[in-house]
Amino acid sequence: MGSAAAPWKSLLLSALESNAQITHSRFLHLATIGGNGRPSNRTVVFRGFEEGTDGIRIYTDSRSRKIEELKTCPFAEKRAEAWSSISPKSRMQYLGPSPNLPYIAEQPAKEPVLDSCSGPVDAFCLLVLDPDQVDYLNLKSAERKLFKAIPCLGRETLWESERINP
């Protein structure tokens, strides 16, 4: 359920382009509700849009807590394509210790080896989030817009927007 030209996409892409020199400009926050009913929030890296959709691409470790919390949410998976698009250094991160476990100062003496001919390792996960609401805020111009998806059966998603106070 995507639209090739959601009105908020151009605002986001423009902001990313204007701030390309700032590494953390590609960071976003992903909030979920855990099985215990409590919210969690974590920082993830924006990796682009799923081609031809409004789907936001995020790479993550499948062993992380957010995966368990997202299992009830529908998301697309194109792991092999995403895996081949990332650098060898980024790939090595998925061979390290599991997220959320205590840090061990003594790391294994043997460095993990990555086979360049094999596909994605089990820990690599691609999330594609399909937003139904986007809250855009530009602090420089004090502009804030709320975009809401209007699902249309058999057609592209329509978006309504409203300018609201920052």
C-alpha atoms as a PDB file:
ATOM      1  CA  MET A   1       0.000   0.000   0.000  1.00  0.00           C
ATOM      2  CA  GLY A   2       2.250   2.791  -1.214  1.00  0.00           C
ATOM      3  CA  SER A   3       2.257   5.902  -3.247  1.00  0.00           C
ATOM      4  CA  ALA A   4       5.088   6.860  -5.561  1.00  0.00           C
ATOM      5  CA  ALA A   5       4.738  10.509  -4.573  1.00  0.00           C
ATOM      6  CA  ALA A   6       3.667  10.872  -0.953  1.00  0.00           C
ATOM      7  CA  PRO A   7       3.857  14.621  -0.218  1.00  0.00           C
ATOM      8  CA  TRP A   8       6.041  14.159   2.874  1.00  0.00           C
ATOM      9  CA  LYS A   9       8.729  12.220   0.973  1.00  0.00           C
ATOM     10  CA  SER A  10      10.025  15.288  -0.849  1.00  0.00           C
ATOM     11  CA  LEU A  11      10.286  17.164   2.473  1.00  0.00           C
ATOM     12  CA  LEU A  12      12.236  14.308   4.045  1.00  0.00           C
ATOM     13  CA  LEU A  13      14.547  13.837   1.058  1.00  0.00           C
ATOM     14  CA  SER A  14      15.211  17.572   0.866  1.00  0.00           C
ATOM     15  CA  ALA A  15      16.096  17.683   4.571  1.00  0.00           C
ATOM     16  CA  LEU A  16      18.417  14.683   4.181  1.00  0.00           C
ATOM     17  CA  GLU A  17      20.140  16.283   1.197  1.00  0.00           C
ATOM     18  CA  SER A  18      20.551  19.624   2.989  1.00  0.00           C
ATOM     19  CA  ASN A  19      22.109  17.868   5.980  1.00  0.00           C
ATOM     20  CA  ALA A  20      24.069  15.127   4.204  1.00  0.00           C
ATOM     21  CA  GLN A  21      27.296  16.232   5.902  1.00  0.00           C
ATOM     22  CA  ILE A  22      25.761  15.536   9.329  1.00  0.00           C
ATOM     23  CA  THR A  23      26.025  11.800   9.997  1.00  0.00           C
ATOM     24  CA  HIS A  24      23.188  11.642  12.515  1.00  0.00           C
ATOM     25  CA  SER A  25      20.736  13.338  10.128  1.00  0.00           C
ATOM     26  CA  ARG A  26      19.835   9.828   8.878  1.00  0.00           C
ATOM     27  CA  PHE A  27      18.864   8.632  12.371  1.00  0.00           C
ATOM     28  CA  LEU A  28      15.220   8.195  13.291  1.00  0.00           C
ATOM     29  CA  HIS A  29      13.381   6.810  16.264  1.00  0.00           C
ATOM     30  CA  LEU A  30      11.360   3.627  16.154  1.00  0.00           C
ATOM     31  CA  ALA A  31       8.863   3.087  18.951  1.00  0.00           C
ATOM     32  CA  THR A  32       7.152  -0.221  19.659  1.00  0.00           C
ATOM     33  CA  ILE A  33       4.974  -1.780  22.336  1.00  0.00           C
ATOM     34  CA  GLY A  34       6.444  -4.877  23.971  1.00  0.00           C
ATOM     35  CA  GLY A  35       4.596  -8.027  24.983  1.00  0.00           C
ATOM     36  CA  ASN A  36       4.360  -6.550  28.486  1.00  0.00           C
ATOM     37  CA  GLY A  37       2.380  -3.586  27.111  1.00  0.00           C
ATOM     38  CA  ARG A  38       5.194  -1.123  27.808  1.00  0.00           C
ATOM     39  CA  PRO A  39       6.635   1.188  25.141  1.00  0.00           C
ATOM     40  CA  SER A  40      10.204   0.987  23.856  1.00  0.00           C
ATOM     41  CA  ASN A  41      12.024   3.545  21.748  1.00  0.00           C
ATOM     42  CA  ARG A  42      15.311   3.133  19.934  1.00  0.00           C
ATOM     43  CA  THR A  43      17.399   4.952  17.346  1.00  0.00           C
ATOM     44  CA  VAL A  44      17.720   3.332  13.911  1.00  0.00           C
ATOM     45  CA  VAL A  45      19.321   4.451  10.642  1.00  0.00           C
ATOM     46  CA  PHE A  46      17.203   5.505   7.638  1.00  0.00           C
ATOM     47  CA  ARG A  47      18.465   3.455   4.656  1.00  0.00           C
ATOM     48  CA  GLY A  48      16.173   4.865   1.978  1.00  0.00           C
ATOM     49  CA  PHE A  49      12.787   3.977   0.565  1.00  0.00           C
ATOM     50  CA  GLU A  50      11.602   0.668  -0.811  1.00  0.00           C
ATOM     51  CA  GLU A  51      11.477   1.236  -4.563  1.00  0.00           C
ATOM     52  CA  GLY A  52       8.115   2.505  -5.820  1.00  0.00           C
ATOM     53  CA  THR A  53       6.586   2.740  -2.339  1.00  0.00           C
ATOM     54  CA  ASP A  54       6.535   4.880   0.788  1.00  0.00           C
ATOM     55  CA  GLY A  55       8.180   2.013   2.705  1.00  0.00           C
ATOM     56  CA  ILE A  56      11.054   3.175   4.905  1.00  0.00           C
ATOM     57  CA  ARG A  57      14.057   0.811   4.873  1.00  0.00           C
ATOM     58  CA  ILE A  58      15.929   0.004   8.093  1.00  0.00           C
ATOM     59  CA  TYR A  59      18.596  -2.667   8.657  1.00  0.00           C
ATOM     60  CA  THR A  60      18.766  -4.325  12.061  1.00  0.00           C
ATOM     61  CA  ASP A  61      19.967  -7.380  13.931  1.00  0.00           C
ATOM     62  CA  SER A  62      17.312 -10.108  14.007  1.00  0.00           C
ATOM     63  CA  ARG A  63      18.394 -10.987  17.557  1.00  0.00           C
ATOM     64  CA  SER A  64      17.414  -7.550  18.879  1.00  0.00           C
ATOM     65  CA  ARG A  65      14.349  -7.008  21.051  1.00  0.00           C
ATOM     66  CA  LYS A  66      12.613  -4.812  18.453  1.00  0.00           C
ATOM     67  CA  ILE A  67      12.161  -7.800  16.129  1.00  0.00           C
ATOM     68  CA  GLU A  68      10.149  -9.706  18.730  1.00  0.00           C
ATOM     69  CA  GLU A  69       8.073  -6.564  19.348  1.00  0.00           C
ATOM     70  CA  LEU A  70       7.453  -6.045  15.623  1.00  0.00           C
ATOM     71  CA  LYS A  71       6.404  -9.621  14.819  1.00  0.00           C
ATOM     72  CA  THR A  72       2.740  -8.666  14.961  1.00  0.00           C
ATOM     73  CA  CYS A  73       3.310  -5.865  12.416  1.00  0.00           C
ATOM     74  CA  PRO A  74       3.363  -6.647   8.688  1.00  0.00           C
ATOM     75  CA  PHE A  75       6.619  -5.753   6.961  1.00  0.00           C
ATOM     76  CA  ALA A  76       8.312  -6.703   3.716  1.00  0.00           C
ATOM     77  CA  GLU A  77      11.586  -8.588   3.515  1.00  0.00           C
ATOM     78  CA  LYS A  78      14.202  -8.290   0.758  1.00  0.00           C
ATOM     79  CA  ARG A  79      17.191  -9.461   2.752  1.00  0.00           C
ATOM     80  CA  ALA A  80      19.507 -10.682   0.007  1.00  0.00           C
ATOM     81  CA  GLU A  81      19.265  -7.469  -2.002  1.00  0.00           C
ATOM     82  CA  ALA A  82      19.813  -5.326   1.083  1.00  0.00           C
ATOM     83  CA  TRP A  83      22.724  -7.502   2.245  1.00  0.00           C
ATOM     84  CA  SER A  84      24.564  -7.101  -1.055  1.00  0.00           C
ATOM     85  CA  SER A  85      24.141  -3.320  -0.904  1.00  0.00           C
ATOM     86  CA  ILE A  86      26.000  -2.801   2.396  1.00  0.00           C
ATOM     87  CA  SER A  87      29.742  -2.580   2.983  1.00  0.00           C
ATOM     88  CA  PRO A  88      31.807  -5.482   4.340  1.00  0.00           C
ATOM     89  CA  LYS A  89      32.426  -3.453   7.519  1.00  0.00           C
ATOM     90  CA  SER A  90      28.669  -3.098   8.070  1.00  0.00           C
ATOM     91  CA  ARG A  91      28.178  -6.824   7.420  1.00  0.00           C
ATOM     92  CA  MET A  92      30.680  -7.696  10.150  1.00  0.00           C
ATOM     93  CA  GLN A  93      28.457  -6.011  12.756  1.00  0.00           C
ATOM     94  CA  TYR A  94      25.967  -8.859  12.379  1.00  0.00           C
ATOM     95  CA  LEU A  95      28.614 -11.437  13.353  1.00  0.00           C
ATOM     96  CA  GLY A  96      29.333  -9.760  16.694  1.00  0.00           C
ATOM     97  CA  PRO A  97      27.765 -10.364  20.082  1.00  0.00           C
ATOM     98  CA  SER A  98      23.971 -10.305  20.397  1.00  0.00           C
ATOM     99  CA  PRO A  99      22.390  -6.933  21.203  1.00  0.00           C
ATOM    100  CA  ASN A 100      21.041  -6.372  24.739  1.00  0.00           C
ATOM    101  CA  LEU A 101      23.486  -8.797  26.384  1.00  0.00           C
ATOM    102  CA  PRO A 102      26.121  -7.587  28.868  1.00  0.00           C
ATOM    103  CA  TYR A 103      29.344  -6.362  27.298  1.00  0.00           C
ATOM    104  CA  ILE A 104      32.304  -8.721  27.677  1.00  0.00           C
ATOM    105  CA  ALA A 105      35.670  -6.947  27.655  1.00  0.00           C
ATOM    106  CA  GLU A 106      37.580 -10.013  26.442  1.00  0.00           C
ATOM    107  CA  GLN A 107      36.449 -10.550  22.889  1.00  0.00           C
ATOM    108  CA  PRO A 108      37.152 -13.898  21.194  1.00  0.00           C
ATOM    109  CA  ALA A 109      40.735 -14.220  19.945  1.00  0.00           C
ATOM    110  CA  LYS A 110      39.488 -15.474  16.589  1.00  0.00           C
ATOM    111  CA  GLU A 111      38.086 -12.744  14.332  1.00  0.00           C
ATOM    112  CA  PRO A 112      34.810 -13.798  12.651  1.00  0.00           C
ATOM    113  CA  VAL A 113      35.146 -14.602   8.948  1.00  0.00           C
ATOM    114  CA  LEU A 114      32.549 -13.526   6.431  1.00  0.00           C
ATOM    115  CA  ASP A 115      32.121 -15.555   3.233  1.00  0.00           C
ATOM    116  CA  SER A 116      31.554 -13.033   0.441  1.00  0.00           C
ATOM    117  CA  CYS A 117      29.853 -15.697  -1.706  1.00  0.00           C
ATOM    118  CA  SER A 118      27.204 -16.600   0.829  1.00  0.00           C
ATOM    119  CA  GLY A 119      23.992 -14.702   1.387  1.00  0.00           C
ATOM    120  CA  PRO A 120      22.921 -12.757   4.450  1.00  0.00           C
ATOM    121  CA  VAL A 121      23.850 -14.109   7.865  1.00  0.00           C
ATOM    122  CA  ASP A 122      20.961 -15.163  10.105  1.00  0.00           C
ATOM    123  CA  ALA A 123      21.268 -12.063  12.296  1.00  0.00           C
ATOM    124  CA  PHE A 124      20.772  -9.599   9.399  1.00  0.00           C
ATOM    125  CA  CYS A 125      17.243  -8.266   9.094  1.00  0.00           C
ATOM    126  CA  LEU A 126      15.689  -5.698   6.754  1.00  0.00           C
ATOM    127  CA  LEU A 127      12.619  -3.879   8.014  1.00  0.00           C
ATOM    128  CA  VAL A 128      10.370  -2.000   5.613  1.00  0.00           C
ATOM    129  CA  LEU A 129       8.003   0.224   7.541  1.00  0.00           C
ATOM    130  CA  ASP A 130       4.900   1.447   5.733  1.00  0.00           C
ATOM    131  CA  PRO A 131       3.908   4.711   7.450  1.00  0.00           C
ATOM    132  CA  ASP A 132       0.268   5.704   7.787  1.00  0.00           C
ATOM    133  CA  GLN A 133       1.027   8.987   9.536  1.00  0.00           C
ATOM    134  CA  VAL A 134       4.021  11.336   9.272  1.00  0.00           C
ATOM    135  CA  ASP A 135       4.653  14.278  11.576  1.00  0.00           C
ATOM    136  CA  TYR A 136       7.059  16.675   9.827  1.00  0.00           C
ATOM    137  CA  LEU A 137       8.792  19.420  11.822  1.00  0.00           C
ATOM    138  CA  ASN A 138      11.267  21.990  10.505  1.00  0.00           C
ATOM    139  CA  LEU A 139      12.621  23.961  13.454  1.00  0.00           C
ATOM    140  CA  LYS A 140      14.373  26.564  11.262  1.00  0.00           C
ATOM    141  CA  SER A 141      11.156  27.641   9.573  1.00  0.00           C
ATOM    142  CA  ALA A 142       8.876  26.701  12.500  1.00  0.00           C
ATOM    143  CA  GLU A 143       6.834  24.647  10.018  1.00  0.00           C
ATOM    144  CA  ARG A 144       5.035  21.546  11.192  1.00  0.00           C
ATOM    145  CA  LYS A 145       2.743  19.398   9.059  1.00  0.00           C
ATOM    146  CA  LEU A 146       0.823  16.281   9.921  1.00  0.00           C
ATOM    147  CA  PHE A 147       0.303  13.856   7.025  1.00  0.00           C
ATOM    148  CA  LYS A 148      -2.262  11.047   7.301  1.00  0.00           C
ATOM    149  CA  ALA A 149      -2.778   8.196   4.854  1.00  0.00           C
ATOM    150  CA  ILE A 150      -6.241   7.583   3.459  1.00  0.00           C
ATOM    151  CA  PRO A 151      -6.356   3.956   2.274  1.00  0.00           C
ATOM    152  CA  CYS A 152      -8.153   3.429  -1.024  1.00  0.00           C
ATOM    153  CA  LEU A 153      -9.014  -0.111  -2.107  1.00  0.00           C
ATOM    154  CA  GLY A 154      -7.176  -1.110  -5.245  1.00  0.00           C
ATOM    155  CA  ARG A 155      -5.547   2.310  -5.645  1.00  0.00           C
ATOM    156  CA  GLU A 156      -2.522   4.170  -4.400  1.00  0.00           C
ATOM    157  CA  THR A 157      -2.686   5.637  -0.941  1.00  0.00           C
ATOM    158  CA  LEU A 158      -3.969   9.183  -0.788  1.00  0.00           C
ATOM    159  CA  TRP A 159      -2.516  11.587   1.771  1.00  0.00           C
ATOM    160  CA  GLU A 160      -4.164  14.451   3.587  1.00  0.00           C
ATOM    161  CA  SER A 161      -2.043  17.089   5.277  1.00  0.00           C
ATOM    162  CA  GLU A 162      -2.665  19.772   7.824  1.00  0.00           C
ATOM    163  CA  ARG A 163      -0.318  22.498   8.986  1.00  0.00           C
ATOM    164  CA  ILE A 164      -0.223  22.512  12.782  1.00  0.00           C
ATOM    165  CA  ASN A 165       1.596  24.529  15.419  1.00  0.00           C
ATOM    166  CA  PRO A 166       5.144  23.360  16.200  1.00  0.00           C
END
